[in-house]
Structure formats: C-alpha cells, structure tokens
Amino acid sequence: MGGLLLAFVLIGLTKACSREPSERKLRAQATSPGAESRRAAEERQMQALIQRLSAVEGLEHILTRFVDSCARPYNGSIFENMRSPYALTCSMRAVACFGVRGDMSDVLPRIRAAGIAPWGPHDNEGRELPHAAGTVTYALSYHRARGRHPDGS
C-alpha cells in the first residue's frame, strides 16, 4: 500500500514540476512579432514557388489555400518517454491548384525543365529512375497510356 501511495506522490510531483505553459502564453508566442515575421517569410517563399510554377507555359494558376496552425506537441502518456523539447509546434503549408492548357504531355516536361522541385527518385548522376513513381518520365508514360495498365486502370 505504501508503494502505491509513493507512486501517486511521485506522479503528482512530476506533473507539478513539469507544468506546461498556459494557453495565454502559447498564444502570445504564436502571435509574437518574431513568429509573425517568420510566418510572413515562409508565406513569401511559398508564393515565390507558386509564381515560378505559374510562369510555366501551359499552366494556369487557379487558387491557393494556405493552412497555418500551431499546437502543443504530443508528449505521450505518463508511461511513454516521448517528451518534446518544444512547448509549441507551428506549421504552414500551401495547396495550389493549377489548370492545364493544351496537352499534359507537353506541359509536364516544361514543369521539369523549370527546375522548381525534384521529381521522384534519381540515380547517382541525377537522372530520373524511369519506372519510379513520382518522376516526370513515369507521369508521362502514365498519361500517354491512360493509366498503368492497358485497360486504363
């Protein structure tokens, strides 16, 4: 019985000593001038990437949706040793939708040539692995064959 009581006291002390910051303090951190500045810089980088993609002949930018969120990290239960060194984790992502004018087979190589981002796995010399999903070569063969299988599926 004494051991169980000691365990509850230790758990209580651990919880009391490792008290997390209040919601008010976390909100103040997330909306501080420094955080707002980093957030604005990140959004500018994303906008620049979208502009580069918009400049590719045959692509038309339709809309962009930004998602900006902050939350406490998952620290697991008292039985897991997963304490995060952070009190708050924030992330931002953008989803940009584009339309294609003309044939997709013509536009995909232009997107690759623009060098906006790496597409899929590459070999040691920087060439696309031809049958690897995620490469322009794979996307072109998929598009031209109307799917991965002769029946279009």
N, C-alpha and C. Protein backbone atom coordinates (compact mmCIF):
# COMPACT_ATOMS: atom_id res chain seq x y z
N MET A 1 0.82 -1.19 0.00
CA MET A 1 0.00 0.00 0.00
C MET A 1 0.86 1.25 0.00
N GLY A 2 1.97 1.20 0.78
CA GLY A 2 2.87 2.35 0.86
C GLY A 2 3.53 2.64 -0.48
N GLY A 3 3.85 1.56 -1.22
CA GLY A 3 4.47 1.72 -2.54
C GLY A 3 3.55 2.41 -3.52
N LEU A 4 2.27 2.04 -3.47
CA LEU A 4 1.28 2.65 -4.36
C LEU A 4 1.10 4.12 -4.04
N LEU A 5 1.07 4.44 -2.75
CA LEU A 5 0.94 5.83 -2.32
C LEU A 5 2.15 6.63 -2.78
N LEU A 6 3.35 6.05 -2.63
CA LEU A 6 4.57 6.71 -3.06
C LEU A 6 4.54 6.95 -4.57
N ALA A 7 4.05 5.98 -5.34
CA ALA A 7 3.96 6.13 -6.79
C ALA A 7 3.05 7.30 -7.16
N PHE A 8 1.90 7.41 -6.49
CA PHE A 8 0.99 8.53 -6.78
C PHE A 8 1.61 9.87 -6.40
N VAL A 9 2.34 9.90 -5.30
CA VAL A 9 3.01 11.13 -4.89
C VAL A 9 4.06 11.52 -5.92
N LEU A 10 4.85 10.55 -6.41
CA LEU A 10 5.87 10.84 -7.41
C LEU A 10 5.26 11.32 -8.72
N ILE A 11 4.17 10.69 -9.15
CA ILE A 11 3.49 11.12 -10.38
C ILE A 11 2.97 12.55 -10.20
N GLY A 12 2.39 12.83 -9.04
CA GLY A 12 1.89 14.18 -8.76
C GLY A 12 3.00 15.21 -8.77
N LEU A 13 4.14 14.89 -8.16
CA LEU A 13 5.27 15.81 -8.15
C LEU A 13 5.82 16.03 -9.55
N THR A 14 5.89 14.94 -10.32
CA THR A 14 6.38 15.06 -11.69
C THR A 14 5.48 15.98 -12.50
N LYS A 15 4.18 15.79 -12.37
CA LYS A 15 3.22 16.64 -13.10
C LYS A 15 3.31 18.09 -12.65
N ALA A 16 3.45 18.31 -11.36
CA ALA A 16 3.50 19.68 -10.83
C ALA A 16 4.79 20.38 -11.26
N CYS A 17 5.89 19.65 -11.28
CA CYS A 17 7.17 20.26 -11.64
C CYS A 17 7.31 20.49 -13.14
N SER A 18 6.58 19.73 -13.93
CA SER A 18 6.71 19.86 -15.39
C SER A 18 5.46 20.52 -15.98
N ARG A 19 4.91 21.48 -15.28
CA ARG A 19 3.70 22.17 -15.74
C ARG A 19 3.98 22.87 -17.07
N GLU A 20 3.09 22.70 -18.00
CA GLU A 20 3.23 23.30 -19.32
C GLU A 20 2.78 24.75 -19.30
N PRO A 21 3.25 25.55 -20.25
CA PRO A 21 2.83 26.95 -20.31
C PRO A 21 1.32 27.06 -20.54
N SER A 22 0.75 28.13 -20.09
CA SER A 22 -0.69 28.34 -20.23
C SER A 22 -1.04 28.63 -21.70
N GLU A 23 -2.33 28.49 -22.01
CA GLU A 23 -2.81 28.81 -23.36
C GLU A 23 -2.48 30.26 -23.72
N ARG A 24 -2.63 31.14 -22.76
CA ARG A 24 -2.35 32.58 -23.00
C ARG A 24 -0.89 32.79 -23.40
N LYS A 25 0.04 32.13 -22.69
CA LYS A 25 1.47 32.28 -23.02
C LYS A 25 1.77 31.69 -24.39
N LEU A 26 1.18 30.55 -24.70
CA LEU A 26 1.40 29.93 -26.01
C LEU A 26 0.85 30.81 -27.13
N ARG A 27 -0.33 31.39 -26.93
CA ARG A 27 -0.92 32.27 -27.94
C ARG A 27 -0.03 33.51 -28.14
N ALA A 28 0.51 34.03 -27.03
CA ALA A 28 1.41 35.18 -27.12
C ALA A 28 2.66 34.82 -27.93
N GLN A 29 3.18 33.59 -27.73
CA GLN A 29 4.34 33.15 -28.51
C GLN A 29 3.99 33.04 -29.99
N ALA A 30 2.86 32.42 -30.29
CA ALA A 30 2.47 32.18 -31.68
C ALA A 30 2.16 33.47 -32.43
N THR A 31 1.76 34.51 -31.72
CA THR A 31 1.41 35.78 -32.38
C THR A 31 2.44 36.86 -32.12
N SER A 32 3.58 36.51 -31.59
CA SER A 32 4.63 37.49 -31.32
C SER A 32 5.16 38.06 -32.64
N PRO A 33 5.77 39.24 -32.59
CA PRO A 33 6.34 39.82 -33.82
C PRO A 33 7.36 38.90 -34.50
N GLY A 34 8.16 38.18 -33.71
CA GLY A 34 9.14 37.26 -34.30
C GLY A 34 8.46 36.13 -35.05
N ALA A 35 7.42 35.56 -34.45
CA ALA A 35 6.69 34.47 -35.10
C ALA A 35 5.96 34.97 -36.34
N GLU A 36 5.36 36.15 -36.25
CA GLU A 36 4.67 36.73 -37.41
C GLU A 36 5.66 36.98 -38.55
N SER A 37 6.85 37.43 -38.22
CA SER A 37 7.88 37.69 -39.23
C SER A 37 8.31 36.40 -39.92
N ARG A 38 8.53 35.33 -39.13
CA ARG A 38 8.90 34.03 -39.71
C ARG A 38 7.77 33.49 -40.58
N ARG A 39 6.55 33.67 -40.12
CA ARG A 39 5.37 33.22 -40.85
C ARG A 39 5.27 33.95 -42.19
N ALA A 40 5.48 35.26 -42.18
CA ALA A 40 5.41 36.05 -43.41
C ALA A 40 6.52 35.64 -44.38
N ALA A 41 7.71 35.38 -43.85
CA ALA A 41 8.83 34.95 -44.72
C ALA A 41 8.52 33.60 -45.36
N GLU A 42 7.94 32.69 -44.59
CA GLU A 42 7.58 31.37 -45.12
C GLU A 42 6.52 31.51 -46.22
N GLU A 43 5.54 32.36 -45.99
CA GLU A 43 4.49 32.56 -46.99
C GLU A 43 5.06 33.17 -48.27
N ARG A 44 6.02 34.09 -48.12
CA ARG A 44 6.66 34.68 -49.32
C ARG A 44 7.40 33.62 -50.12
N GLN A 45 8.08 32.69 -49.42
CA GLN A 45 8.78 31.60 -50.12
C GLN A 45 7.78 30.74 -50.89
N MET A 46 6.68 30.42 -50.26
CA MET A 46 5.67 29.59 -50.93
C MET A 46 5.07 30.33 -52.12
N GLN A 47 4.79 31.62 -51.95
CA GLN A 47 4.24 32.41 -53.05
C GLN A 47 5.23 32.47 -54.23
N ALA A 48 6.51 32.60 -53.92
CA ALA A 48 7.53 32.64 -54.97
C ALA A 48 7.55 31.32 -55.75
N LEU A 49 7.44 30.22 -55.05
CA LEU A 49 7.41 28.91 -55.70
C LEU A 49 6.18 28.78 -56.59
N ILE A 50 5.04 29.24 -56.11
CA ILE A 50 3.81 29.19 -56.90
C ILE A 50 3.92 30.10 -58.12
N GLN A 51 4.56 31.25 -57.97
CA GLN A 51 4.76 32.15 -59.11
C GLN A 51 5.66 31.51 -60.17
N ARG A 52 6.71 30.81 -59.73
CA ARG A 52 7.58 30.11 -60.69
C ARG A 52 6.80 29.06 -61.45
N LEU A 53 5.93 28.35 -60.76
CA LEU A 53 5.12 27.34 -61.41
C LEU A 53 4.10 27.99 -62.35
N SER A 54 3.56 29.12 -61.95
CA SER A 54 2.60 29.84 -62.79
C SER A 54 3.23 30.34 -64.09
N ALA A 55 4.54 30.53 -64.08
CA ALA A 55 5.24 31.03 -65.26
C ALA A 55 5.47 29.94 -66.31
N VAL A 56 5.23 28.68 -65.96
CA VAL A 56 5.42 27.58 -66.91
C VAL A 56 4.32 27.66 -67.97
N GLU A 57 4.74 27.65 -69.22
CA GLU A 57 3.79 27.72 -70.33
C GLU A 57 2.84 26.53 -70.28
N GLY A 58 1.55 26.82 -70.36
CA GLY A 58 0.54 25.77 -70.35
C GLY A 58 -0.12 25.57 -68.99
N LEU A 59 0.43 26.20 -67.94
CA LEU A 59 -0.19 26.10 -66.61
C LEU A 59 -0.91 27.40 -66.28
N GLU A 60 -2.04 27.27 -65.66
CA GLU A 60 -2.80 28.45 -65.23
C GLU A 60 -3.14 28.28 -63.75
N HIS A 61 -2.67 29.22 -62.95
CA HIS A 61 -2.94 29.18 -61.51
C HIS A 61 -4.41 29.49 -61.27
N ILE A 62 -5.07 28.62 -60.51
CA ILE A 62 -6.49 28.79 -60.22
C ILE A 62 -6.69 29.38 -58.83
N LEU A 63 -6.16 28.72 -57.81
CA LEU A 63 -6.28 29.23 -56.45
C LEU A 63 -5.23 28.60 -55.57
N THR A 64 -4.98 29.26 -54.44
CA THR A 64 -4.06 28.74 -53.43
C THR A 64 -4.73 28.83 -52.08
N ARG A 65 -4.56 27.80 -51.30
CA ARG A 65 -5.09 27.78 -49.94
C ARG A 65 -3.93 27.57 -48.99
N PHE A 66 -3.75 28.51 -48.06
CA PHE A 66 -2.72 28.41 -47.04
C PHE A 66 -3.33 27.87 -45.76
N VAL A 67 -2.62 26.97 -45.11
CA VAL A 67 -3.04 26.45 -43.81
C VAL A 67 -1.90 26.74 -42.84
N ASP A 68 -2.21 27.48 -41.80
CA ASP A 68 -1.23 27.91 -40.82
C ASP A 68 -1.75 27.48 -39.45
N SER A 69 -1.01 26.63 -38.74
CA SER A 69 -1.52 26.15 -37.47
C SER A 69 -0.41 26.00 -36.44
N CYS A 70 -0.80 26.12 -35.18
CA CYS A 70 0.10 25.90 -34.05
C CYS A 70 -0.63 25.01 -33.05
N ALA A 71 0.11 24.14 -32.40
CA ALA A 71 -0.48 23.25 -31.41
C ALA A 71 0.59 22.77 -30.44
N ARG A 72 0.15 22.30 -29.32
CA ARG A 72 1.08 21.66 -28.39
C ARG A 72 1.54 20.33 -29.02
N PRO A 73 2.80 19.97 -28.86
CA PRO A 73 3.24 18.67 -29.40
C PRO A 73 2.68 17.52 -28.58
N TYR A 74 2.60 16.36 -29.19
CA TYR A 74 2.15 15.17 -28.47
C TYR A 74 3.29 14.69 -27.60
N ASN A 75 3.04 14.56 -26.33
CA ASN A 75 4.08 14.12 -25.39
C ASN A 75 3.86 12.72 -24.87
N GLY A 76 2.90 12.02 -25.40
CA GLY A 76 2.64 10.67 -24.96
C GLY A 76 1.97 10.65 -23.60
N SER A 77 1.82 9.47 -23.05
CA SER A 77 1.23 9.32 -21.73
C SER A 77 2.34 9.36 -20.69
N ILE A 78 1.95 9.25 -19.42
CA ILE A 78 2.98 9.26 -18.37
C ILE A 78 3.83 8.00 -18.42
N PHE A 79 3.39 6.99 -19.14
CA PHE A 79 4.14 5.74 -19.26
C PHE A 79 5.07 5.73 -20.47
N GLU A 80 4.95 6.72 -21.35
CA GLU A 80 5.81 6.81 -22.52
C GLU A 80 6.87 7.89 -22.28
N ASN A 81 8.03 7.68 -22.80
CA ASN A 81 9.09 8.66 -22.67
C ASN A 81 9.21 9.41 -24.00
N MET A 82 8.27 10.30 -24.25
CA MET A 82 8.22 10.99 -25.55
C MET A 82 8.18 12.52 -25.38
N ARG A 83 8.72 13.05 -24.31
CA ARG A 83 8.63 14.48 -24.07
C ARG A 83 9.29 15.25 -25.21
N SER A 84 8.56 16.19 -25.76
CA SER A 84 9.09 17.05 -26.80
C SER A 84 9.85 18.19 -26.14
N PRO A 85 10.93 18.64 -26.75
CA PRO A 85 11.65 19.79 -26.19
C PRO A 85 10.91 21.11 -26.46
N TYR A 86 9.82 21.05 -27.21
CA TYR A 86 9.10 22.26 -27.59
C TYR A 86 7.79 22.37 -26.84
N ALA A 87 7.40 23.59 -26.52
CA ALA A 87 6.10 23.84 -25.89
C ALA A 87 5.03 24.02 -26.95
N LEU A 88 5.45 24.39 -28.16
CA LEU A 88 4.52 24.72 -29.23
C LEU A 88 5.16 24.35 -30.56
N THR A 89 4.41 23.71 -31.46
CA THR A 89 4.90 23.45 -32.80
C THR A 89 3.95 24.10 -33.79
N CYS A 90 4.52 24.80 -34.74
CA CYS A 90 3.73 25.51 -35.74
C CYS A 90 4.13 25.00 -37.13
N SER A 91 3.18 25.02 -38.03
CA SER A 91 3.46 24.62 -39.41
C SER A 91 2.62 25.45 -40.36
N MET A 92 3.10 25.53 -41.58
CA MET A 92 2.37 26.22 -42.63
C MET A 92 2.52 25.40 -43.90
N ARG A 93 1.43 25.29 -44.63
CA ARG A 93 1.50 24.60 -45.92
C ARG A 93 0.58 25.31 -46.89
N ALA A 94 0.85 25.12 -48.15
CA ALA A 94 0.02 25.71 -49.20
C ALA A 94 -0.39 24.62 -50.16
N VAL A 95 -1.63 24.69 -50.60
CA VAL A 95 -2.13 23.80 -51.64
C VAL A 95 -2.51 24.70 -52.80
N ALA A 96 -1.81 24.56 -53.91
CA ALA A 96 -2.07 25.39 -55.08
C ALA A 96 -2.69 24.53 -56.18
N CYS A 97 -3.75 25.03 -56.76
CA CYS A 97 -4.43 24.31 -57.84
C CYS A 97 -4.14 25.01 -59.17
N PHE A 98 -3.81 24.21 -60.18
CA PHE A 98 -3.49 24.73 -61.50
C PHE A 98 -4.33 24.02 -62.54
N GLY A 99 -4.65 24.74 -63.59
CA GLY A 99 -5.27 24.15 -64.76
C GLY A 99 -4.22 23.97 -65.83
N VAL A 100 -4.48 23.09 -66.77
CA VAL A 100 -3.53 22.84 -67.86
C VAL A 100 -4.18 23.25 -69.17
N ARG A 101 -3.48 24.12 -69.90
CA ARG A 101 -3.92 24.50 -71.24
C ARG A 101 -3.14 23.64 -72.23
N GLY A 102 -3.84 22.95 -73.07
CA GLY A 102 -3.15 22.09 -74.04
C GLY A 102 -3.02 20.68 -73.52
N ASP A 103 -2.03 19.99 -74.05
CA ASP A 103 -1.82 18.58 -73.72
C ASP A 103 -0.88 18.44 -72.53
N MET A 104 -1.28 17.65 -71.58
CA MET A 104 -0.48 17.40 -70.38
C MET A 104 0.91 16.87 -70.75
N SER A 105 0.99 16.09 -71.82
CA SER A 105 2.27 15.53 -72.26
C SER A 105 3.26 16.61 -72.65
N ASP A 106 2.77 17.76 -73.06
CA ASP A 106 3.65 18.88 -73.40
C ASP A 106 4.03 19.69 -72.17
N VAL A 107 3.11 19.78 -71.22
CA VAL A 107 3.33 20.63 -70.05
C VAL A 107 4.26 19.99 -69.02
N LEU A 108 4.14 18.68 -68.80
CA LEU A 108 4.97 18.01 -67.79
C LEU A 108 6.47 18.23 -68.01
N PRO A 109 7.00 18.06 -69.22
CA PRO A 109 8.44 18.32 -69.41
C PRO A 109 8.82 19.78 -69.14
N ARG A 110 7.90 20.71 -69.40
CA ARG A 110 8.19 22.13 -69.12
C ARG A 110 8.28 22.36 -67.60
N ILE A 111 7.43 21.67 -66.86
CA ILE A 111 7.49 21.80 -65.40
C ILE A 111 8.84 21.27 -64.90
N ARG A 112 9.26 20.12 -65.43
CA ARG A 112 10.56 19.56 -65.04
C ARG A 112 11.69 20.50 -65.44
N ALA A 113 11.62 21.06 -66.63
CA ALA A 113 12.68 21.95 -67.11
C ALA A 113 12.78 23.23 -66.27
N ALA A 114 11.68 23.65 -65.66
CA ALA A 114 11.70 24.85 -64.83
C ALA A 114 12.51 24.64 -63.55
N GLY A 115 12.78 23.38 -63.20
CA GLY A 115 13.62 23.09 -62.04
C GLY A 115 13.05 23.59 -60.72
N ILE A 116 11.75 23.58 -60.60
CA ILE A 116 11.09 24.10 -59.40
C ILE A 116 11.30 23.18 -58.20
N ALA A 117 11.23 21.89 -58.42
CA ALA A 117 11.41 20.93 -57.33
C ALA A 117 11.85 19.60 -57.93
N PRO A 118 12.55 18.78 -57.15
CA PRO A 118 12.93 17.45 -57.66
C PRO A 118 11.70 16.56 -57.77
N TRP A 119 11.64 15.80 -58.82
CA TRP A 119 10.53 14.88 -59.05
C TRP A 119 11.01 13.47 -58.85
N GLY A 120 10.57 12.82 -57.82
CA GLY A 120 10.84 11.40 -57.61
C GLY A 120 12.30 11.06 -57.43
N PRO A 121 12.59 9.76 -57.32
CA PRO A 121 13.96 9.31 -57.10
C PRO A 121 14.83 9.44 -58.34
N HIS A 122 16.12 9.69 -58.09
CA HIS A 122 17.10 9.84 -59.17
C HIS A 122 18.29 8.92 -58.89
N ASP A 123 19.05 8.63 -59.95
CA ASP A 123 20.25 7.81 -59.77
C ASP A 123 21.40 8.70 -59.29
N ASN A 124 22.59 8.13 -59.18
CA ASN A 124 23.75 8.86 -58.68
C ASN A 124 24.19 10.01 -59.59
N GLU A 125 23.76 9.97 -60.84
CA GLU A 125 24.13 11.02 -61.79
C GLU A 125 23.02 12.04 -61.99
N GLY A 126 21.97 11.97 -61.17
CA GLY A 126 20.90 12.95 -61.23
C GLY A 126 19.81 12.66 -62.25
N ARG A 127 19.86 11.49 -62.88
CA ARG A 127 18.83 11.13 -63.86
C ARG A 127 17.66 10.46 -63.16
N GLU A 128 16.47 10.66 -63.70
CA GLU A 128 15.28 10.02 -63.14
C GLU A 128 15.36 8.52 -63.32
N LEU A 129 14.88 7.80 -62.32
CA LEU A 129 14.71 6.36 -62.48
C LEU A 129 13.43 6.19 -63.29
N PRO A 130 13.51 5.63 -64.49
CA PRO A 130 12.41 5.68 -65.45
C PRO A 130 11.09 5.06 -65.02
N HIS A 131 11.12 4.05 -64.20
CA HIS A 131 9.86 3.38 -63.82
C HIS A 131 9.44 3.70 -62.40
N ALA A 132 10.09 4.70 -61.79
CA ALA A 132 9.78 5.04 -60.40
C ALA A 132 8.63 6.04 -60.35
N ALA A 133 7.65 5.74 -59.52
CA ALA A 133 6.52 6.67 -59.34
C ALA A 133 7.05 7.99 -58.80
N GLY A 134 6.47 9.08 -59.26
CA GLY A 134 6.87 10.40 -58.80
C GLY A 134 7.78 11.13 -59.75
N THR A 135 8.27 10.45 -60.79
CA THR A 135 9.12 11.12 -61.77
C THR A 135 8.28 11.63 -62.93
N VAL A 136 8.80 12.60 -63.67
CA VAL A 136 8.10 13.10 -64.86
C VAL A 136 8.01 12.00 -65.91
N THR A 137 9.05 11.20 -66.04
CA THR A 137 9.04 10.10 -67.01
C THR A 137 7.87 9.15 -66.72
N TYR A 138 7.69 8.81 -65.46
CA TYR A 138 6.61 7.93 -65.06
C TYR A 138 5.26 8.60 -65.33
N ALA A 139 5.14 9.90 -64.96
CA ALA A 139 3.87 10.62 -65.17
C ALA A 139 3.53 10.69 -66.66
N LEU A 140 4.54 10.90 -67.50
CA LEU A 140 4.28 10.95 -68.95
C LEU A 140 3.82 9.60 -69.47
N SER A 141 4.48 8.53 -69.06
CA SER A 141 4.07 7.21 -69.56
C SER A 141 2.68 6.87 -69.02
N TYR A 142 2.38 7.24 -67.79
CA TYR A 142 1.06 7.00 -67.20
C TYR A 142 0.00 7.76 -68.00
N HIS A 143 0.29 9.03 -68.31
CA HIS A 143 -0.67 9.85 -69.05
C HIS A 143 -0.88 9.33 -70.47
N ARG A 144 0.21 9.01 -71.13
CA ARG A 144 0.11 8.55 -72.53
C ARG A 144 -0.60 7.21 -72.64
N ALA A 145 -0.41 6.33 -71.64
CA ALA A 145 -1.03 5.00 -71.68
C ALA A 145 -2.43 5.01 -71.07
N ARG A 146 -2.86 6.18 -70.58
CA ARG A 146 -4.17 6.34 -69.93
C ARG A 146 -4.30 5.45 -68.69
N GLY A 147 -3.20 5.31 -67.96
CA GLY A 147 -3.18 4.51 -66.74
C GLY A 147 -1.96 3.62 -66.71
N ARG A 148 -1.85 2.80 -65.72
CA ARG A 148 -0.69 1.91 -65.61
C ARG A 148 -0.90 0.61 -66.35
N HIS A 149 -2.15 0.30 -66.67
CA HIS A 149 -2.45 -0.97 -67.32
C HIS A 149 -3.17 -0.67 -68.65
N PRO A 150 -3.05 -1.59 -69.61
CA PRO A 150 -3.67 -1.37 -70.93
C PRO A 150 -5.16 -1.06 -70.87
N ASP A 151 -5.85 -1.50 -69.83
CA ASP A 151 -7.28 -1.23 -69.75
C ASP A 151 -7.60 0.17 -69.20
N GLY A 152 -6.53 0.96 -68.92
CA GLY A 152 -6.74 2.33 -68.44
C GLY A 152 -6.81 2.47 -66.94
N SER A 153 -6.68 1.36 -66.23
CA SER A 153 -6.76 1.45 -64.76
C SER A 153 -5.43 1.87 -64.16
